[in-house]
């Protein structure tokens, strides 16, 4: 099931974690690689994905974080 453009979940693929649609590449893996310093080109080559896939991952993560609520407890 597509939960965002180019992002899907299926309980039979990667235990239902969000992945790039049509692949088994998890969203969190791509975010981690980018955060670790890999370039878009390196990630695209290593996982055989397109720039549009990376941008979809970043958009999905951004939207997930924008809904996150943090409550400070003292």
N, C-alpha and C. Protein backbone atom coordinates (compact mmCIF):
# COMPACT_ATOMS: atom_id res chain seq x y z
N UNK A 1 0.84 -1.17 0.00
CA UNK A 1 0.00 0.00 0.00
C UNK A 1 0.89 1.24 0.00
N UNK A 2 0.60 2.16 -0.90
CA UNK A 2 1.38 3.40 -0.97
C UNK A 2 0.87 4.35 0.11
N UNK A 3 1.78 4.79 0.98
CA UNK A 3 1.39 5.69 2.08
C UNK A 3 1.80 7.13 1.79
N UNK A 4 2.61 7.31 0.79
CA UNK A 4 3.06 8.64 0.34
C UNK A 4 3.58 8.43 -1.08
N UNK A 5 3.70 9.50 -1.85
CA UNK A 5 4.24 9.31 -3.20
C UNK A 5 5.59 8.58 -3.16
N UNK A 6 5.67 7.45 -3.87
CA UNK A 6 6.87 6.62 -4.02
C UNK A 6 7.28 5.88 -2.74
N UNK A 7 6.45 5.94 -1.69
CA UNK A 7 6.75 5.24 -0.44
C UNK A 7 5.61 4.27 -0.16
N UNK A 8 5.97 3.01 0.14
CA UNK A 8 4.92 2.03 0.39
C UNK A 8 5.26 1.18 1.61
N UNK A 9 4.24 0.49 2.10
CA UNK A 9 4.41 -0.47 3.18
C UNK A 9 3.68 -1.75 2.80
N UNK A 10 4.27 -2.87 3.18
CA UNK A 10 3.69 -4.18 2.95
C UNK A 10 4.23 -5.07 4.06
N UNK A 11 3.35 -5.67 4.81
CA UNK A 11 3.81 -6.49 5.95
C UNK A 11 4.74 -7.62 5.52
N UNK A 12 4.73 -7.98 4.25
CA UNK A 12 5.58 -9.06 3.75
C UNK A 12 6.95 -8.55 3.28
N UNK A 13 7.12 -7.24 3.25
CA UNK A 13 8.40 -6.65 2.81
C UNK A 13 8.98 -5.86 3.98
N UNK A 14 10.15 -6.29 4.41
CA UNK A 14 10.88 -5.59 5.48
C UNK A 14 10.02 -5.39 6.72
N UNK A 15 9.18 -6.40 7.04
CA UNK A 15 8.35 -6.39 8.24
C UNK A 15 7.41 -5.20 8.33
N UNK A 16 7.00 -4.67 7.17
CA UNK A 16 6.04 -3.56 7.14
C UNK A 16 6.65 -2.19 7.32
N UNK A 17 7.99 -2.11 7.27
CA UNK A 17 8.64 -0.80 7.36
C UNK A 17 8.43 -0.04 6.05
N UNK A 18 8.36 1.29 6.10
CA UNK A 18 8.24 2.05 4.85
C UNK A 18 9.46 1.84 3.96
N UNK A 19 9.19 1.57 2.69
CA UNK A 19 10.25 1.36 1.70
C UNK A 19 9.96 2.19 0.47
N UNK A 20 10.95 2.34 -0.36
CA UNK A 20 10.74 2.99 -1.65
C UNK A 20 9.90 2.03 -2.49
N UNK A 21 8.80 2.53 -3.02
CA UNK A 21 7.85 1.70 -3.76
C UNK A 21 8.55 0.92 -4.86
N UNK A 22 8.21 -0.36 -4.96
CA UNK A 22 8.79 -1.21 -5.98
C UNK A 22 10.16 -1.76 -5.64
N UNK A 23 10.64 -1.48 -4.42
CA UNK A 23 11.94 -1.97 -3.98
C UNK A 23 11.80 -2.55 -2.58
N UNK A 24 12.91 -3.03 -2.05
CA UNK A 24 12.98 -3.47 -0.65
C UNK A 24 13.87 -2.52 0.14
N UNK A 25 14.10 -1.32 -0.39
CA UNK A 25 15.01 -0.35 0.22
C UNK A 25 14.23 0.48 1.25
N UNK A 26 14.56 0.32 2.54
CA UNK A 26 13.84 1.05 3.58
C UNK A 26 14.16 2.54 3.60
N UNK A 27 13.13 3.31 3.94
CA UNK A 27 13.28 4.76 4.05
C UNK A 27 14.37 5.12 5.07
N UNK A 28 14.37 4.45 6.22
CA UNK A 28 15.34 4.80 7.26
C UNK A 28 16.78 4.52 6.83
N UNK A 29 16.98 3.52 5.98
CA UNK A 29 18.32 3.22 5.48
C UNK A 29 18.84 4.38 4.63
N UNK A 30 17.99 4.88 3.74
CA UNK A 30 18.40 5.99 2.87
C UNK A 30 18.69 7.24 3.70
N UNK A 31 17.84 7.52 4.68
CA UNK A 31 18.08 8.67 5.55
C UNK A 31 19.40 8.53 6.29
N UNK A 32 19.67 7.34 6.78
CA UNK A 32 20.93 7.09 7.49
C UNK A 32 22.15 7.26 6.61
N UNK A 33 22.06 6.79 5.38
CA UNK A 33 23.19 6.93 4.46
C UNK A 33 23.46 8.40 4.14
N UNK A 34 22.38 9.16 3.92
CA UNK A 34 22.55 10.59 3.64
C UNK A 34 23.10 11.31 4.87
N UNK A 35 22.58 10.97 6.05
CA UNK A 35 23.06 11.59 7.29
C UNK A 35 24.52 11.23 7.55
N UNK A 36 24.93 10.07 7.09
CA UNK A 36 26.31 9.62 7.28
C UNK A 36 27.28 10.24 6.29
N UNK A 37 26.77 11.04 5.35
CA UNK A 37 27.65 11.76 4.45
C UNK A 37 27.69 11.27 3.02
N UNK A 38 26.94 10.23 2.69
CA UNK A 38 26.92 9.79 1.30
C UNK A 38 26.21 10.83 0.45
N UNK A 39 26.67 10.99 -0.77
CA UNK A 39 26.02 11.92 -1.70
C UNK A 39 24.80 11.25 -2.31
N UNK A 40 23.94 12.06 -2.89
CA UNK A 40 22.77 11.50 -3.58
C UNK A 40 23.23 10.49 -4.63
N UNK A 41 24.26 10.85 -5.38
CA UNK A 41 24.75 9.99 -6.46
C UNK A 41 25.25 8.65 -5.92
N UNK A 42 25.97 8.69 -4.80
CA UNK A 42 26.48 7.44 -4.20
C UNK A 42 25.32 6.54 -3.76
N UNK A 43 24.31 7.15 -3.14
CA UNK A 43 23.15 6.38 -2.69
C UNK A 43 22.40 5.81 -3.89
N UNK A 44 22.21 6.62 -4.92
CA UNK A 44 21.51 6.14 -6.11
C UNK A 44 22.25 4.97 -6.75
N UNK A 45 23.56 5.05 -6.83
CA UNK A 45 24.35 3.97 -7.42
C UNK A 45 24.31 2.71 -6.56
N UNK A 46 24.45 2.87 -5.25
CA UNK A 46 24.53 1.72 -4.36
C UNK A 46 23.20 0.96 -4.28
N UNK A 47 22.08 1.68 -4.30
CA UNK A 47 20.78 1.03 -4.11
C UNK A 47 19.93 1.00 -5.38
N UNK A 48 20.48 1.44 -6.48
CA UNK A 48 19.79 1.44 -7.78
C UNK A 48 18.43 2.12 -7.69
N UNK A 49 18.45 3.33 -7.14
CA UNK A 49 17.24 4.14 -7.04
C UNK A 49 17.47 5.44 -7.79
N UNK A 50 16.40 6.20 -7.97
CA UNK A 50 16.49 7.46 -8.71
C UNK A 50 16.45 8.65 -7.75
N UNK A 51 16.83 9.81 -8.27
CA UNK A 51 16.79 11.03 -7.47
C UNK A 51 15.38 11.27 -6.93
N UNK A 52 14.37 10.99 -7.74
CA UNK A 52 12.98 11.18 -7.29
C UNK A 52 12.68 10.31 -6.06
N UNK A 53 13.31 9.15 -5.96
CA UNK A 53 13.12 8.28 -4.80
C UNK A 53 13.72 8.92 -3.55
N UNK A 54 14.91 9.46 -3.68
CA UNK A 54 15.56 10.12 -2.54
C UNK A 54 14.74 11.32 -2.09
N UNK A 55 14.28 12.10 -3.03
CA UNK A 55 13.47 13.27 -2.68
C UNK A 55 12.16 12.85 -2.02
N UNK A 56 11.59 11.73 -2.45
CA UNK A 56 10.37 11.22 -1.82
C UNK A 56 10.65 10.78 -0.38
N UNK A 57 11.79 10.16 -0.15
CA UNK A 57 12.19 9.76 1.20
C UNK A 57 12.31 10.99 2.09
N UNK A 58 12.98 12.02 1.60
CA UNK A 58 13.16 13.24 2.39
C UNK A 58 11.82 13.92 2.66
N UNK A 59 10.95 13.93 1.68
CA UNK A 59 9.62 14.54 1.85
C UNK A 59 8.81 13.75 2.88
N UNK A 60 8.84 12.44 2.79
CA UNK A 60 8.11 11.59 3.74
C UNK A 60 8.63 11.82 5.16
N UNK A 61 9.93 11.82 5.33
CA UNK A 61 10.52 12.02 6.66
C UNK A 61 10.16 13.40 7.20
N UNK A 62 10.20 14.40 6.36
CA UNK A 62 9.85 15.76 6.77
C UNK A 62 8.41 15.82 7.26
N UNK A 63 7.51 15.18 6.54
CA UNK A 63 6.10 15.19 6.94
C UNK A 63 5.87 14.41 8.22
N UNK A 64 6.59 13.32 8.40
CA UNK A 64 6.47 12.55 9.64
C UNK A 64 6.93 13.37 10.84
N UNK A 65 8.05 14.07 10.68
CA UNK A 65 8.57 14.88 11.77
C UNK A 65 7.71 16.09 12.06
N UNK A 66 7.05 16.62 11.04
CA UNK A 66 6.23 17.81 11.27
C UNK A 66 5.01 17.47 12.13
N UNK A 67 4.63 16.21 12.18
CA UNK A 67 3.50 15.78 13.00
C UNK A 67 3.91 15.31 14.38
N UNK A 68 5.21 15.25 14.62
CA UNK A 68 5.70 14.77 15.90
C UNK A 68 5.49 15.82 16.98
N UNK A 69 5.06 15.35 18.14
CA UNK A 69 4.85 16.23 19.27
C UNK A 69 5.82 15.86 20.36
N UNK A 70 6.55 16.83 20.87
CA UNK A 70 7.51 16.58 21.93
C UNK A 70 7.04 17.34 23.17
N UNK A 71 6.94 16.63 24.26
CA UNK A 71 6.51 17.25 25.52
C UNK A 71 7.65 17.16 26.52
N UNK A 72 8.02 18.29 27.03
CA UNK A 72 9.09 18.34 28.02
C UNK A 72 8.54 18.00 29.39
N UNK A 73 9.24 17.16 30.08
CA UNK A 73 8.85 16.76 31.43
C UNK A 73 9.98 17.14 32.35
N UNK A 74 9.64 17.86 33.39
CA UNK A 74 10.71 18.27 34.32
C UNK A 74 10.57 17.61 35.65
